[in-house]
């Protein structure tokens, strides 16, 4: 799938991280022109602030070796989605910042001009309408997506926490590149919380929950869970629920059965927490 250029962005502007205040700004008098730099753009003084050391100061923009290896193996069918997420956990990701117009004005010819520009974290729209946060393994992958985006090196867990904080359910690694990989809501939450994650169709607790939901339903011969989006590109719902039904079920009975099952699945906190999205496939029991 193609995730094009950004369709929306978060509202907060971001100051250039490379800029630093004068070290002796707090000692300058009000008559010193340089005293104007004693605080930030909001008028808050630099004095007394603590600046954390940038752990990625020497980052060369290349993809983390273990992560790119996991993505390559996944695309070759030799690694699972869980393997990729495990490689993401301790990786450095690049978050894109894109400039957009801040304060505008009109020139003498009546044309709108930008007086200021702001940098904002970018989000894109997923095929199902949800907001997704793009993140990249390398500057090359980011440039292929948007050559004007500015990379901000960030630990993967912090990226996941930021997405969760903005009520963003999805993170897309390297959109438009061969290594594109979608991290859906349950996996994103596990990444943010530092907890274990299983693909839901192989999760014993999820499988058991779905099995329990059809217990006593004589029309259901069997139930199985399959991968709905095996390539992890948001091309379809995450899980396909295959229902094998006994012959002779008329339309009203089928509709009533599906309504009961959907109600049970919606009421399950376990399914809600561990399954991002699902579709139903009806099969004839053989």
C-alpha atoms as a PDB file:
ATOM      1  CA  UNK A   1       0.000   0.000   0.000  1.00  0.00           C
ATOM      2  CA  UNK A   2       1.163   3.514  -0.525  1.00  0.00           C
ATOM      3  CA  UNK A   3       1.206   5.958   2.347  1.00  0.00           C
ATOM      4  CA  UNK A   4       1.841   9.205   0.530  1.00  0.00           C
ATOM      5  CA  UNK A   5       2.809  12.542   1.841  1.00  0.00           C
ATOM      6  CA  UNK A   6       1.454  13.738   5.171  1.00  0.00           C
ATOM      7  CA  UNK A   7      -2.242  14.484   5.341  1.00  0.00           C
ATOM      8  CA  UNK A   8      -2.280  15.880   8.855  1.00  0.00           C
ATOM      9  CA  UNK A   9       0.121  17.002  11.530  1.00  0.00           C
ATOM     10  CA  UNK A  10       0.162  17.522  15.245  1.00  0.00           C
ATOM     11  CA  UNK A  11      -0.346  21.082  16.322  1.00  0.00           C
ATOM     12  CA  UNK A  12       2.702  21.715  18.497  1.00  0.00           C
ATOM     13  CA  UNK A  13       5.621  23.418  16.813  1.00  0.00           C
ATOM     14  CA  UNK A  14       9.135  22.188  17.480  1.00  0.00           C
ATOM     15  CA  UNK A  15      12.159  24.412  17.977  1.00  0.00           C
ATOM     16  CA  UNK A  16      15.323  23.558  16.078  1.00  0.00           C
ATOM     17  CA  UNK A  17      17.064  21.024  18.366  1.00  0.00           C
ATOM     18  CA  UNK A  18      20.439  22.065  17.031  1.00  0.00           C
ATOM     19  CA  UNK A  19      20.046  25.601  18.347  1.00  0.00           C
ATOM     20  CA  UNK A  20      21.526  26.321  21.784  1.00  0.00           C
ATOM     21  CA  UNK A  21      21.307  29.428  24.003  1.00  0.00           C
ATOM     22  CA  UNK A  22      24.348  31.529  24.941  1.00  0.00           C
ATOM     23  CA  UNK A  23      26.015  29.995  27.987  1.00  0.00           C
ATOM     24  CA  UNK A  24      26.326  33.335  29.768  1.00  0.00           C
ATOM     25  CA  UNK A  25      22.924  34.746  28.830  1.00  0.00           C
ATOM     26  CA  UNK A  26      21.762  35.079  32.432  1.00  0.00           C
ATOM     27  CA  UNK A  27      24.640  37.463  33.259  1.00  0.00           C
ATOM     28  CA  UNK A  28      23.908  40.017  30.547  1.00  0.00           C
ATOM     29  CA  UNK A  29      22.246  43.334  31.294  1.00  0.00           C
ATOM     30  CA  UNK A  30      19.038  44.510  29.657  1.00  0.00           C
ATOM     31  CA  UNK A  31      21.053  47.014  27.597  1.00  0.00           C
ATOM     32  CA  UNK A  32      23.046  44.229  25.977  1.00  0.00           C
ATOM     33  CA  UNK A  33      21.352  43.273  22.652  1.00  0.00           C
ATOM     34  CA  UNK A  34      22.386  39.668  23.258  1.00  0.00           C
ATOM     35  CA  UNK A  35      20.231  39.645  26.393  1.00  0.00           C
ATOM     36  CA  UNK A  36      17.283  39.041  24.095  1.00  0.00           C
ATOM     37  CA  UNK A  37      18.516  35.457  23.869  1.00  0.00           C
ATOM     38  CA  UNK A  38      18.296  34.862  27.613  1.00  0.00           C
ATOM     39  CA  UNK A  39      15.010  33.015  27.161  1.00  0.00           C
ATOM     40  CA  UNK A  40      13.060  30.971  24.655  1.00  0.00           C
ATOM     41  CA  UNK A  41      10.455  32.233  22.195  1.00  0.00           C
ATOM     42  CA  UNK A  42       7.786  32.063  24.910  1.00  0.00           C
ATOM     43  CA  UNK A  43       9.840  34.326  27.182  1.00  0.00           C
ATOM     44  CA  UNK A  44      10.821  31.542  29.579  1.00  0.00           C
ATOM     45  CA  UNK A  45      14.441  31.860  30.833  1.00  0.00           C
ATOM     46  CA  UNK A  46      17.032  29.251  29.909  1.00  0.00           C
ATOM     47  CA  UNK A  47      18.557  29.532  33.399  1.00  0.00           C
ATOM     48  CA  UNK A  48      17.990  26.524  35.610  1.00  0.00           C
ATOM     49  CA  UNK A  49      16.906  24.236  32.796  1.00  0.00           C
ATOM     50  CA  UNK A  50      18.376  20.774  32.412  1.00  0.00           C
ATOM     51  CA  UNK A  51      19.224  19.471  28.956  1.00  0.00           C
ATOM     52  CA  UNK A  52      19.590  15.712  28.585  1.00  0.00           C
ATOM     53  CA  UNK A  53      22.502  14.374  26.624  1.00  0.00           C
ATOM     54  CA  UNK A  54      21.459  13.281  23.142  1.00  0.00           C
ATOM     55  CA  UNK A  55      22.234   9.565  23.048  1.00  0.00           C
ATOM     56  CA  UNK A  56      21.988   9.623  19.246  1.00  0.00           C
ATOM     57  CA  UNK A  57      24.366  12.532  18.686  1.00  0.00           C
ATOM     58  CA  UNK A  58      26.673  10.398  16.542  1.00  0.00           C
ATOM     59  CA  UNK A  59      23.894   8.753  14.539  1.00  0.00           C
ATOM     60  CA  UNK A  60      24.821   8.451  10.848  1.00  0.00           C
ATOM     61  CA  UNK A  61      21.262   7.881   9.633  1.00  0.00           C
ATOM     62  CA  UNK A  62      21.757   4.276   8.590  1.00  0.00           C
ATOM     63  CA  UNK A  63      19.202   1.626   9.546  1.00  0.00           C
ATOM     64  CA  UNK A  64      19.864  -0.327  12.767  1.00  0.00           C
ATOM     65  CA  UNK A  65      21.425  -3.590  11.639  1.00  0.00           C
ATOM     66  CA  UNK A  66      19.255  -5.978  13.675  1.00  0.00           C
ATOM     67  CA  UNK A  67      16.046  -4.196  12.701  1.00  0.00           C
ATOM     68  CA  UNK A  68      16.745  -4.106   8.977  1.00  0.00           C
ATOM     69  CA  UNK A  69      17.771  -7.763   9.117  1.00  0.00           C
ATOM     70  CA  UNK A  70      14.472  -8.685  10.806  1.00  0.00           C
ATOM     71  CA  UNK A  71      12.474  -6.698   8.242  1.00  0.00           C
ATOM     72  CA  UNK A  72      14.371  -8.301   5.364  1.00  0.00           C
ATOM     73  CA  UNK A  73      13.805 -11.790   6.774  1.00  0.00           C
ATOM     74  CA  UNK A  74      10.109 -11.014   7.310  1.00  0.00           C
ATOM     75  CA  UNK A  75       9.687  -9.942   3.692  1.00  0.00           C
ATOM     76  CA  UNK A  76      11.416 -13.176   2.647  1.00  0.00           C
ATOM     77  CA  UNK A  77       8.988 -15.210   4.756  1.00  0.00           C
ATOM     78  CA  UNK A  78      11.723 -16.265   7.175  1.00  0.00           C
ATOM     79  CA  UNK A  79      10.665 -14.214  10.219  1.00  0.00           C
ATOM     80  CA  UNK A  80       7.371 -13.449  11.947  1.00  0.00           C
ATOM     81  CA  UNK A  81       5.712 -10.170  12.843  1.00  0.00           C
ATOM     82  CA  UNK A  82       6.654 -10.865  16.464  1.00  0.00           C
ATOM     83  CA  UNK A  83      10.306 -11.198  15.414  1.00  0.00           C
ATOM     84  CA  UNK A  84      10.149  -7.774  13.798  1.00  0.00           C
ATOM     85  CA  UNK A  85       8.560  -6.196  16.861  1.00  0.00           C
ATOM     86  CA  UNK A  86      11.271  -7.702  19.069  1.00  0.00           C
ATOM     87  CA  UNK A  87      13.877  -6.091  16.800  1.00  0.00           C
ATOM     88  CA  UNK A  88      12.048  -2.760  16.990  1.00  0.00           C
ATOM     89  CA  UNK A  89      12.020  -2.682  20.815  1.00  0.00           C
ATOM     90  CA  UNK A  90      15.599  -1.539  21.342  1.00  0.00           C
ATOM     91  CA  UNK A  91      16.047   0.194  17.998  1.00  0.00           C
ATOM     92  CA  UNK A  92      16.596   3.812  17.145  1.00  0.00           C
ATOM     93  CA  UNK A  93      13.879   5.165  14.860  1.00  0.00           C
ATOM     94  CA  UNK A  94      13.702   8.419  12.935  1.00  0.00           C
ATOM     95  CA  UNK A  95      10.599  10.539  13.463  1.00  0.00           C
ATOM     96  CA  UNK A  96       9.887  12.967  10.599  1.00  0.00           C
ATOM     97  CA  UNK A  97       9.325  16.644  11.203  1.00  0.00           C
ATOM     98  CA  UNK A  98       7.920  18.678   8.313  1.00  0.00           C
ATOM     99  CA  UNK A  99       7.863  22.463   8.010  1.00  0.00           C
ATOM    100  CA  UNK A 100       4.542  24.199   7.536  1.00  0.00           C
ATOM    101  CA  UNK A 101       3.431  27.793   7.533  1.00  0.00           C
ATOM    102  CA  UNK A 102       3.107  29.427  10.909  1.00  0.00           C
ATOM    103  CA  UNK A 103       2.208  33.113  10.976  1.00  0.00           C
ATOM    104  CA  UNK A 104       1.243  34.548   7.569  1.00  0.00           C
ATOM    105  CA  UNK A 105       0.926  38.060   6.158  1.00  0.00           C
ATOM    106  CA  UNK A 106      -0.019  39.787   2.906  1.00  0.00           C
ATOM    107  CA  UNK A 107       2.552  41.584   0.752  1.00  0.00           C
ATOM    108  CA  UNK A 108       2.046  44.809  -1.215  1.00  0.00           C
ATOM    109  CA  UNK A 109       0.637  42.824  -4.147  1.00  0.00           C
ATOM    110  CA  UNK A 110      -1.985  41.098  -2.018  1.00  0.00           C
ATOM    111  CA  UNK A 111      -0.199  37.756  -1.997  1.00  0.00           C
ATOM    112  CA  UNK A 112      -0.090  35.619   1.132  1.00  0.00           C
ATOM    113  CA  UNK A 113       3.440  35.152   2.455  1.00  0.00           C
ATOM    114  CA  UNK A 114       4.838  33.065   5.298  1.00  0.00           C
ATOM    115  CA  UNK A 115       6.274  35.170   8.101  1.00  0.00           C
ATOM    116  CA  UNK A 116       7.305  32.123  10.107  1.00  0.00           C
ATOM    117  CA  UNK A 117       7.636  28.389   9.622  1.00  0.00           C
ATOM    118  CA  UNK A 118       7.056  25.694  12.212  1.00  0.00           C
ATOM    119  CA  UNK A 119       8.178  22.083  12.408  1.00  0.00           C
ATOM    120  CA  UNK A 120       5.510  19.560  13.369  1.00  0.00           C
ATOM    121  CA  UNK A 121       5.335  15.833  13.957  1.00  0.00           C
ATOM    122  CA  UNK A 122       3.568  14.301  10.989  1.00  0.00           C
ATOM    123  CA  UNK A 123       0.716  11.809  10.884  1.00  0.00           C
ATOM    124  CA  UNK A 124      -0.868  10.123   7.873  1.00  0.00           C
ATOM    125  CA  UNK A 125      -4.270   8.619   7.224  1.00  0.00           C
ATOM    126  CA  UNK A 126      -4.484   4.824   7.151  1.00  0.00           C
ATOM    127  CA  UNK A 127      -6.799   3.041   4.674  1.00  0.00           C
ATOM    128  CA  UNK A 128      -9.417   2.489   7.388  1.00  0.00           C
ATOM    129  CA  UNK A 129      -9.441   6.194   8.252  1.00  0.00           C
ATOM    130  CA  UNK A 130      -7.389   5.995  11.436  1.00  0.00           C
ATOM    131  CA  UNK A 131      -4.386   8.172  12.133  1.00  0.00           C
ATOM    132  CA  UNK A 132      -0.966   6.567  11.774  1.00  0.00           C
ATOM    133  CA  UNK A 133       2.458   7.793  12.839  1.00  0.00           C
ATOM    134  CA  UNK A 134       5.209   7.210  10.261  1.00  0.00           C
ATOM    135  CA  UNK A 135       8.669   6.326  11.554  1.00  0.00           C
ATOM    136  CA  UNK A 136      11.767   5.336   9.659  1.00  0.00           C
ATOM    137  CA  UNK A 137      14.740   3.050   9.994  1.00  0.00           C
ATOM    138  CA  UNK A 138      17.060   5.301   7.969  1.00  0.00           C
ATOM    139  CA  UNK A 139      17.399   8.742   6.442  1.00  0.00           C
ATOM    140  CA  UNK A 140      17.322   7.092   2.998  1.00  0.00           C
ATOM    141  CA  UNK A 141      13.897   5.570   3.689  1.00  0.00           C
ATOM    142  CA  UNK A 142      12.618   8.909   5.008  1.00  0.00           C
ATOM    143  CA  UNK A 143      13.932  10.816   1.984  1.00  0.00           C
ATOM    144  CA  UNK A 144      12.183   8.361  -0.343  1.00  0.00           C
ATOM    145  CA  UNK A 145       8.920   9.168   1.444  1.00  0.00           C
ATOM    146  CA  UNK A 146       9.406  12.927   1.730  1.00  0.00           C
ATOM    147  CA  UNK A 147      12.745  14.559   0.863  1.00  0.00           C
ATOM    148  CA  UNK A 148      11.792  17.671   2.860  1.00  0.00           C
ATOM    149  CA  UNK A 149      11.222  15.808   6.137  1.00  0.00           C
ATOM    150  CA  UNK A 150      13.727  16.360   8.912  1.00  0.00           C
ATOM    151  CA  UNK A 151      14.773  13.216  10.866  1.00  0.00           C
ATOM    152  CA  UNK A 152      14.722  13.233  14.652  1.00  0.00           C
ATOM    153  CA  UNK A 153      16.456  10.137  16.138  1.00  0.00           C
ATOM    154  CA  UNK A 154      14.293   8.665  18.897  1.00  0.00           C
ATOM    155  CA  UNK A 155      14.176   5.408  20.849  1.00  0.00           C
ATOM    156  CA  UNK A 156      11.395   3.165  19.543  1.00  0.00           C
ATOM    157  CA  UNK A 157       9.651   2.948  22.899  1.00  0.00           C
ATOM    158  CA  UNK A 158       9.465   6.736  23.132  1.00  0.00           C
ATOM    159  CA  UNK A 159       7.970   6.845  19.637  1.00  0.00           C
ATOM    160  CA  UNK A 160       5.326   4.327  20.730  1.00  0.00           C
ATOM    161  CA  UNK A 161       4.590   6.305  23.896  1.00  0.00           C
ATOM    162  CA  UNK A 162       4.234   9.491  21.855  1.00  0.00           C
ATOM    163  CA  UNK A 163       1.814   7.778  19.479  1.00  0.00           C
ATOM    164  CA  UNK A 164      -0.264   6.429  22.365  1.00  0.00           C
ATOM    165  CA  UNK A 165      -0.269   9.868  23.966  1.00  0.00           C
ATOM    166  CA  UNK A 166      -1.769  11.320  20.791  1.00  0.00           C
ATOM    167  CA  UNK A 167      -4.412   8.545  20.608  1.00  0.00           C
ATOM    168  CA  UNK A 168      -2.716   7.202  17.482  1.00  0.00           C
ATOM    169  CA  UNK A 169      -3.362   3.468  17.083  1.00  0.00           C
ATOM    170  CA  UNK A 170      -0.866   2.731  14.328  1.00  0.00           C
ATOM    171  CA  UNK A 171       2.805   3.199  13.542  1.00  0.00           C
ATOM    172  CA  UNK A 172       4.107   2.567  10.037  1.00  0.00           C
ATOM    173  CA  UNK A 173       7.791   1.812   9.581  1.00  0.00           C
ATOM    174  CA  UNK A 174       9.344   2.971   6.303  1.00  0.00           C
ATOM    175  CA  UNK A 175       6.114   3.779   4.411  1.00  0.00           C
ATOM    176  CA  UNK A 176       6.486   3.451   0.602  1.00  0.00           C
ATOM    177  CA  UNK A 177       9.748   1.473   0.992  1.00  0.00           C
ATOM    178  CA  UNK A 178      10.363  -2.251   0.529  1.00  0.00           C
ATOM    179  CA  UNK A 179      10.791  -2.519   4.307  1.00  0.00           C
ATOM    180  CA  UNK A 180       7.363  -0.996   5.076  1.00  0.00           C
ATOM    181  CA  UNK A 181       5.838  -2.605   8.164  1.00  0.00           C
ATOM    182  CA  UNK A 182       2.705  -1.676  10.102  1.00  0.00           C
ATOM    183  CA  UNK A 183       2.677  -1.861  13.893  1.00  0.00           C
ATOM    184  CA  UNK A 184      -0.957  -2.119  14.943  1.00  0.00           C
ATOM    185  CA  UNK A 185      -2.556  -0.940  18.184  1.00  0.00           C
ATOM    186  CA  UNK A 186      -1.974  -4.012  20.433  1.00  0.00           C
ATOM    187  CA  UNK A 187       1.649  -4.324  19.290  1.00  0.00           C
ATOM    188  CA  UNK A 188       2.158  -0.568  19.646  1.00  0.00           C
ATOM    189  CA  UNK A 189       0.829  -0.681  23.217  1.00  0.00           C
ATOM    190  CA  UNK A 190       3.108  -3.617  24.031  1.00  0.00           C
ATOM    191  CA  UNK A 191       6.049  -1.680  22.611  1.00  0.00           C
ATOM    192  CA  UNK A 192       5.167   1.387  24.694  1.00  0.00           C
ATOM    193  CA  UNK A 193       4.699  -0.662  27.884  1.00  0.00           C
ATOM    194  CA  UNK A 194       7.666  -2.968  27.331  1.00  0.00           C
ATOM    195  CA  UNK A 195       5.469  -6.073  27.492  1.00  0.00           C
ATOM    196  CA  UNK A 196       5.419  -9.272  25.456  1.00  0.00           C
ATOM    197  CA  UNK A 197       3.319  -9.408  22.306  1.00  0.00           C
ATOM    198  CA  UNK A 198       1.957 -12.317  20.261  1.00  0.00           C
ATOM    199  CA  UNK A 199       0.226 -12.146  16.906  1.00  0.00           C
ATOM    200  CA  UNK A 200      -3.421 -12.604  17.927  1.00  0.00           C
ATOM    201  CA  UNK A 201      -4.169 -15.544  15.625  1.00  0.00           C
ATOM    202  CA  UNK A 202      -1.387 -17.501  17.378  1.00  0.00           C
ATOM    203  CA  UNK A 203      -2.106 -16.199  20.889  1.00  0.00           C
ATOM    204  CA  UNK A 204      -3.469 -19.123  22.990  1.00  0.00           C
ATOM    205  CA  UNK A 205      -5.569 -16.797  25.147  1.00  0.00           C
ATOM    206  CA  UNK A 206      -7.152 -15.131  22.109  1.00  0.00           C
ATOM    207  CA  UNK A 207      -7.801 -18.471  20.406  1.00  0.00           C
ATOM    208  CA  UNK A 208      -9.432 -19.795  23.595  1.00  0.00           C
ATOM    209  CA  UNK A 209     -11.596 -16.674  23.936  1.00  0.00           C
ATOM    210  CA  UNK A 210     -12.957 -17.038  20.420  1.00  0.00           C
ATOM    211  CA  UNK A 211     -13.512 -20.772  20.918  1.00  0.00           C
ATOM    212  CA  UNK A 212     -15.502 -20.070  24.082  1.00  0.00           C
ATOM    213  CA  UNK A 213     -17.657 -17.571  22.198  1.00  0.00           C
ATOM    214  CA  UNK A 214     -19.089 -20.300  19.941  1.00  0.00           C
ATOM    215  CA  UNK A 215     -19.568 -22.896  22.664  1.00  0.00           C
ATOM    216  CA  UNK A 216     -23.169 -24.028  22.580  1.00  0.00           C
ATOM    217  CA  UNK A 217     -23.767 -22.678  19.070  1.00  0.00           C
ATOM    218  CA  UNK A 218     -24.939 -25.813  17.268  1.00  0.00           C
ATOM    219  CA  UNK A 219     -24.764 -24.108  13.881  1.00  0.00           C
ATOM    220  CA  UNK A 220     -20.988 -23.608  14.188  1.00  0.00           C
ATOM    221  CA  UNK A 221     -19.041 -26.733  13.306  1.00  0.00           C
ATOM    222  CA  UNK A 222     -15.643 -25.118  13.892  1.00  0.00           C
ATOM    223  CA  UNK A 223     -13.840 -21.799  14.275  1.00  0.00           C
ATOM    224  CA  UNK A 224     -10.309 -20.872  13.201  1.00  0.00           C
ATOM    225  CA  UNK A 225      -8.257 -17.671  13.273  1.00  0.00           C
ATOM    226  CA  UNK A 226      -6.114 -16.674  10.302  1.00  0.00           C
ATOM    227  CA  UNK A 227      -3.851 -13.761   9.467  1.00  0.00           C
ATOM    228  CA  UNK A 228      -5.864 -11.116   7.645  1.00  0.00           C
ATOM    229  CA  UNK A 229      -2.884  -8.912   6.794  1.00  0.00           C
ATOM    230  CA  UNK A 230       0.080 -11.307   6.600  1.00  0.00           C
ATOM    231  CA  UNK A 231       2.308  -8.733   4.891  1.00  0.00           C
ATOM    232  CA  UNK A 232       1.715  -6.157   7.679  1.00  0.00           C
ATOM    233  CA  UNK A 233       0.832  -3.373   5.238  1.00  0.00           C
ATOM    234  CA  UNK A 234      -2.655  -2.487   6.567  1.00  0.00           C
ATOM    235  CA  UNK A 235      -4.164  -4.042   3.446  1.00  0.00           C
ATOM    236  CA  UNK A 236      -6.945  -5.777   5.422  1.00  0.00           C
ATOM    237  CA  UNK A 237      -8.148  -6.366   9.003  1.00  0.00           C
ATOM    238  CA  UNK A 238      -5.586  -7.996  11.275  1.00  0.00           C
ATOM    239  CA  UNK A 239      -7.506 -11.230  11.931  1.00  0.00           C
ATOM    240  CA  UNK A 240      -9.894 -13.308   9.845  1.00  0.00           C
ATOM    241  CA  UNK A 241     -12.347 -15.404  11.870  1.00  0.00           C
ATOM    242  CA  UNK A 242     -13.264 -18.460   9.808  1.00  0.00           C
ATOM    243  CA  UNK A 243     -16.617 -19.932  10.804  1.00  0.00           C
ATOM    244  CA  UNK A 244     -17.515 -23.347   9.402  1.00  0.00           C
ATOM    245  CA  UNK A 245     -21.301 -23.648   9.509  1.00  0.00           C
ATOM    246  CA  UNK A 246     -23.530 -26.702   9.325  1.00  0.00           C
ATOM    247  CA  UNK A 247     -25.802 -26.957   6.268  1.00  0.00           C
ATOM    248  CA  UNK A 248     -29.383 -25.730   6.277  1.00  0.00           C
ATOM    249  CA  UNK A 249     -28.968 -22.388   8.067  1.00  0.00           C
ATOM    250  CA  UNK A 250     -31.419 -19.834   6.647  1.00  0.00           C
ATOM    251  CA  UNK A 251     -30.750 -16.101   6.429  1.00  0.00           C
ATOM    252  CA  UNK A 252     -32.595 -15.008   9.595  1.00  0.00           C
ATOM    253  CA  UNK A 253     -30.835 -17.714  11.627  1.00  0.00           C
ATOM    254  CA  UNK A 254     -27.455 -16.722  10.172  1.00  0.00           C
ATOM    255  CA  UNK A 255     -28.036 -13.044  10.930  1.00  0.00           C
ATOM    256  CA  UNK A 256     -29.033 -13.870  14.510  1.00  0.00           C
ATOM    257  CA  UNK A 257     -25.938 -16.053  14.967  1.00  0.00           C
ATOM    258  CA  UNK A 258     -23.566 -13.368  13.685  1.00  0.00           C
ATOM    259  CA  UNK A 259     -25.241 -10.746  15.880  1.00  0.00           C
ATOM    260  CA  UNK A 260     -24.725 -12.914  18.970  1.00  0.00           C
ATOM    261  CA  UNK A 261     -21.079 -13.588  18.139  1.00  0.00           C
ATOM    262  CA  UNK A 262     -20.309  -9.960  17.361  1.00  0.00           C
ATOM    263  CA  UNK A 263     -21.892  -8.947  20.652  1.00  0.00           C
ATOM    264  CA  UNK A 264     -19.733 -11.439  22.581  1.00  0.00           C
ATOM    265  CA  UNK A 265     -16.555 -10.400  20.810  1.00  0.00           C
ATOM    266  CA  UNK A 266     -17.267  -6.703  21.387  1.00  0.00           C
ATOM    267  CA  UNK A 267     -17.880  -7.355  25.092  1.00  0.00           C
ATOM    268  CA  UNK A 268     -14.602  -9.255  25.533  1.00  0.00           C
ATOM    269  CA  UNK A 269     -11.917  -7.061  27.075  1.00  0.00           C
ATOM    270  CA  UNK A 270      -9.275  -9.608  26.055  1.00  0.00           C
ATOM    271  CA  UNK A 271     -10.267  -9.524  22.389  1.00  0.00           C
ATOM    272  CA  UNK A 272     -10.546  -5.745  22.532  1.00  0.00           C
ATOM    273  CA  UNK A 273      -7.037  -5.425  23.942  1.00  0.00           C
ATOM    274  CA  UNK A 274      -5.284  -8.005  21.770  1.00  0.00           C
ATOM    275  CA  UNK A 275      -7.056  -7.837  18.405  1.00  0.00           C
ATOM    276  CA  UNK A 276      -6.768  -4.646  16.380  1.00  0.00           C
ATOM    277  CA  UNK A 277      -9.457  -5.465  13.813  1.00  0.00           C
ATOM    278  CA  UNK A 278     -11.205  -8.504  12.384  1.00  0.00           C
ATOM    279  CA  UNK A 279     -13.258  -9.817   9.490  1.00  0.00           C
ATOM    280  CA  UNK A 280     -15.505 -12.883   9.298  1.00  0.00           C
ATOM    281  CA  UNK A 281     -15.273 -15.554   6.617  1.00  0.00           C
ATOM    282  CA  UNK A 282     -18.120 -18.055   6.379  1.00  0.00           C
ATOM    283  CA  UNK A 283     -17.389 -21.594   5.226  1.00  0.00           C
ATOM    284  CA  UNK A 284     -19.552 -24.652   4.716  1.00  0.00           C
ATOM    285  CA  UNK A 285     -18.654 -27.468   7.063  1.00  0.00           C
ATOM    286  CA  UNK A 286     -17.303 -30.387   5.101  1.00  0.00           C
END
